[in-house]
N, C-alpha and C. Protein backbone atom coordinates (compact mmCIF):
# COMPACT_ATOMS: atom_id res chain seq x y z
N MET A 1 0.92 -1.29 -0.11
CA MET A 1 -0.03 -0.02 -0.35
C MET A 1 0.82 1.31 0.16
N LYS A 2 2.18 1.39 0.56
CA LYS A 2 3.11 2.28 1.05
C LYS A 2 3.54 2.91 -0.74
N THR A 3 3.93 1.50 -1.41
CA THR A 3 4.37 2.09 -3.03
C THR A 3 3.39 2.76 -3.78
N LYS A 4 2.19 2.41 -3.33
CA LYS A 4 1.03 2.87 -4.38
C LYS A 4 0.64 4.39 -4.04
N ILE A 5 1.21 5.02 -2.94
CA ILE A 5 1.51 6.34 -3.08
C ILE A 5 2.39 7.05 -4.02
N LEU A 6 3.26 6.22 -4.30
CA LEU A 6 4.50 6.85 -5.05
C LEU A 6 4.16 6.58 -6.71
N THR A 7 2.72 5.84 -7.16
CA THR A 7 2.59 5.58 -8.48
C THR A 7 2.25 6.87 -9.15
N PHE A 8 1.40 8.05 -8.37
CA PHE A 8 1.05 9.06 -9.53
C PHE A 8 2.22 9.64 -9.57
N PRO A 9 3.20 10.16 -8.77
CA PRO A 9 4.16 11.06 -8.95
C PRO A 9 5.36 10.32 -9.79
N LEU A 10 5.66 9.13 -9.89
CA LEU A 10 6.32 8.23 -10.74
C LEU A 10 5.62 8.30 -12.36
N ARG A 11 4.27 8.19 -12.67
CA ARG A 11 3.97 8.33 -13.65
C ARG A 11 4.00 9.79 -14.12
N LEU A 12 3.62 10.49 -13.42
CA LEU A 12 3.88 12.08 -14.13
C LEU A 12 5.35 12.27 -14.34
N SER A 13 6.55 11.94 -13.53
CA SER A 13 7.78 11.90 -14.00
C SER A 13 8.23 11.46 -15.09
N VAL A 14 7.61 10.00 -15.61
CA VAL A 14 7.88 9.55 -16.70
C VAL A 14 7.29 10.35 -17.93
N ILE A 15 6.11 10.84 -17.55
CA ILE A 15 5.11 11.58 -18.75
C ILE A 15 6.36 12.97 -19.10
N VAL A 16 6.70 13.53 -17.98
CA VAL A 16 7.38 14.55 -18.24
C VAL A 16 8.78 14.27 -19.09
N LEU A 17 9.41 13.32 -18.65
CA LEU A 17 10.57 12.60 -19.20
C LEU A 17 10.42 12.38 -20.89
N ILE A 18 9.21 11.67 -21.01
CA ILE A 18 8.68 11.34 -22.35
C ILE A 18 8.50 13.01 -23.31
N PHE A 19 7.81 13.79 -22.57
CA PHE A 19 7.58 14.98 -23.41
C PHE A 19 8.90 15.68 -23.52
N GLY A 20 9.56 15.49 -22.71
CA GLY A 20 10.92 16.31 -23.01
C GLY A 20 11.81 15.68 -24.31
N ALA A 21 11.76 14.48 -24.19
CA ALA A 21 12.47 13.68 -25.28
C ALA A 21 11.23 14.19 -26.52
N LEU A 22 10.26 14.15 -26.58
CA LEU A 22 9.55 14.72 -27.71
C LEU A 22 9.92 16.14 -28.19
N PHE A 23 10.16 16.91 -27.11
CA PHE A 23 10.43 18.45 -27.36
C PHE A 23 11.76 18.33 -28.12
N LYS A 24 12.85 17.31 -27.57
CA LYS A 24 13.95 17.30 -27.87
C LYS A 24 14.11 16.88 -29.43
N ILE A 25 13.41 15.76 -29.94
CA ILE A 25 13.42 15.53 -31.17
C ILE A 25 12.75 16.52 -32.11
N MET A 26 11.82 17.15 -31.66
CA MET A 26 11.18 18.36 -32.49
C MET A 26 11.76 19.78 -32.56
N HIS A 27 13.16 19.87 -31.69
CA HIS A 27 13.76 20.91 -31.47
C HIS A 27 13.22 22.34 -30.78
N TRP A 28 12.25 21.89 -30.06
CA TRP A 28 11.33 23.01 -29.37
C TRP A 28 12.05 23.54 -28.21
N PRO A 29 11.99 24.46 -27.53
CA PRO A 29 12.49 24.90 -26.37
C PRO A 29 12.23 24.30 -25.27
N PHE A 30 13.11 24.43 -24.44
CA PHE A 30 12.71 23.78 -23.00
C PHE A 30 12.82 22.09 -22.80
N ALA A 31 13.36 21.51 -23.97
CA ALA A 31 13.61 20.12 -23.77
C ALA A 31 14.40 19.62 -22.70
N ASN A 32 15.61 20.50 -22.66
CA ASN A 32 16.52 20.04 -21.55
C ASN A 32 16.06 20.40 -19.87
N ASN A 33 15.30 21.11 -19.76
CA ASN A 33 14.65 21.45 -18.74
C ASN A 33 13.76 20.16 -18.36
N LEU A 34 12.83 20.19 -18.99
CA LEU A 34 11.95 18.85 -19.14
C LEU A 34 12.70 17.50 -18.81
N MET A 35 13.65 17.21 -19.55
CA MET A 35 14.26 15.74 -19.51
C MET A 35 15.13 16.25 -18.08
N LEU A 36 15.69 16.89 -17.82
CA LEU A 36 16.37 17.12 -16.58
C LEU A 36 15.03 16.91 -15.29
N ILE A 37 14.39 17.73 -15.50
CA ILE A 37 13.17 17.31 -14.21
C ILE A 37 12.63 16.24 -14.19
N GLY A 38 12.29 15.39 -15.45
CA GLY A 38 11.78 14.17 -15.39
C GLY A 38 12.85 13.20 -14.91
N ALA A 39 14.04 13.45 -15.52
CA ALA A 39 15.11 12.30 -14.72
C ALA A 39 15.34 12.38 -13.42
N VAL A 40 15.61 13.68 -12.91
CA VAL A 40 15.84 13.77 -11.80
C VAL A 40 14.51 13.49 -10.67
N SER A 41 13.63 13.66 -10.98
CA SER A 41 12.62 13.15 -10.12
C SER A 41 12.33 11.65 -10.09
N LEU A 42 12.47 11.26 -11.26
CA LEU A 42 12.63 9.58 -11.46
C LEU A 42 13.56 9.08 -10.52
N ALA A 43 14.75 9.51 -10.51
CA ALA A 43 15.88 8.99 -9.86
C ALA A 43 15.32 9.12 -8.10
N ILE A 44 14.89 10.46 -7.83
CA ILE A 44 14.69 10.49 -6.71
C ILE A 44 13.17 9.81 -6.13
N LEU A 45 12.57 9.45 -6.79
CA LEU A 45 11.34 8.78 -6.33
C LEU A 45 11.82 7.29 -6.55
N TYR A 46 12.47 6.81 -7.32
CA TYR A 46 12.71 5.38 -7.26
C TYR A 46 13.75 5.08 -6.03
N THR A 47 14.40 6.12 -5.60
CA THR A 47 15.13 5.97 -4.42
C THR A 47 14.65 5.73 -3.24
N ILE A 48 13.28 6.54 -2.97
CA ILE A 48 12.47 6.53 -1.90
C ILE A 48 11.84 5.25 -1.85
N ARG A 49 11.41 4.90 -3.37
CA ARG A 49 10.51 3.64 -3.39
C ARG A 49 11.76 2.32 -2.86
N PHE A 50 12.53 2.27 -3.37
CA PHE A 50 13.44 1.25 -3.07
C PHE A 50 13.81 1.32 -1.51
N ILE A 51 13.83 2.19 -0.84
CA ILE A 51 14.30 2.45 0.51
C ILE A 51 13.29 2.10 1.46
N LYS A 52 11.96 2.40 0.89
CA LYS A 52 10.83 1.87 1.93
C LYS A 52 10.47 0.44 1.76
N LYS A 53 10.74 -0.25 0.82
CA LYS A 53 10.46 -1.66 0.34
C LYS A 53 11.49 -2.05 1.42
N LYS A 54 11.22 -3.38 2.07
CA LYS A 54 11.65 -4.37 3.00
C LYS A 54 11.97 -5.79 2.31
N GLU A 55 11.48 -6.31 1.37
CA GLU A 55 11.66 -7.43 1.04
C GLU A 55 12.66 -7.50 -0.25
N GLU A 56 13.35 -8.52 -0.35
CA GLU A 56 14.35 -8.60 -1.61
C GLU A 56 15.46 -7.63 -1.61
N ILE A 57 16.12 -7.49 -0.59
CA ILE A 57 17.22 -6.44 -0.36
C ILE A 57 18.16 -6.80 -1.55
N PHE A 58 18.90 -8.00 -1.48
CA PHE A 58 19.71 -8.42 -2.36
C PHE A 58 19.55 -8.04 -3.91
N ILE A 59 18.35 -8.29 -4.22
CA ILE A 59 17.60 -8.16 -5.56
C ILE A 59 17.59 -6.62 -5.99
N ARG A 60 17.10 -5.63 -5.02
CA ARG A 60 16.85 -4.42 -5.22
C ARG A 60 18.07 -3.74 -5.08
N LEU A 61 19.64 -4.32 -4.55
CA LEU A 61 20.71 -3.77 -4.38
C LEU A 61 21.31 -3.87 -5.96
N CYS A 62 21.09 -5.21 -6.42
CA CYS A 62 21.66 -5.20 -7.64
C CYS A 62 20.79 -4.27 -8.89
N LYS A 63 19.52 -4.27 -8.66
CA LYS A 63 19.32 -3.53 -9.67
C LYS A 63 19.59 -1.87 -9.58
N ILE A 64 19.57 -1.72 -8.18
CA ILE A 64 20.12 -0.11 -8.28
C ILE A 64 21.41 -0.11 -8.95
N SER A 65 22.52 -0.82 -8.60
CA SER A 65 23.69 -0.86 -9.11
C SER A 65 23.57 -0.78 -10.49
N PHE A 66 23.28 -1.70 -10.85
CA PHE A 66 22.77 -1.77 -12.56
C PHE A 66 22.49 -0.60 -13.28
N SER A 67 21.34 -0.04 -12.42
CA SER A 67 20.81 1.20 -13.18
C SER A 67 21.75 2.39 -13.22
N LEU A 68 22.26 2.48 -12.04
CA LEU A 68 23.47 3.58 -11.75
C LEU A 68 24.82 3.27 -12.78
N SER A 69 24.98 2.30 -12.85
CA SER A 69 26.40 2.00 -13.69
C SER A 69 25.66 2.21 -15.00
N LEU A 70 24.46 2.03 -15.49
CA LEU A 70 24.08 2.53 -16.99
C LEU A 70 24.06 3.92 -17.05
N GLY A 71 23.87 4.70 -15.90
CA GLY A 71 23.62 6.06 -16.26
C GLY A 71 25.09 6.88 -16.20
N PHE A 72 26.01 6.27 -15.58
CA PHE A 72 27.51 6.82 -15.62
C PHE A 72 28.45 6.07 -16.72
């Protein structure tokens, strides 16, 4: 139930990220801002979501480390 609280903000940040990519493809202004806001909010919200979950700690840590290694 606690993770359901974060579903709307997560979906909203994904939508902002997708719109940022669309703006980037169309060469419209504020594309970088939208993509930055979407990516940072996704990172923060997923970090909060992973911290609040209690089960499957090892698998979560592997997922986080893999996703962070792709980002850098």
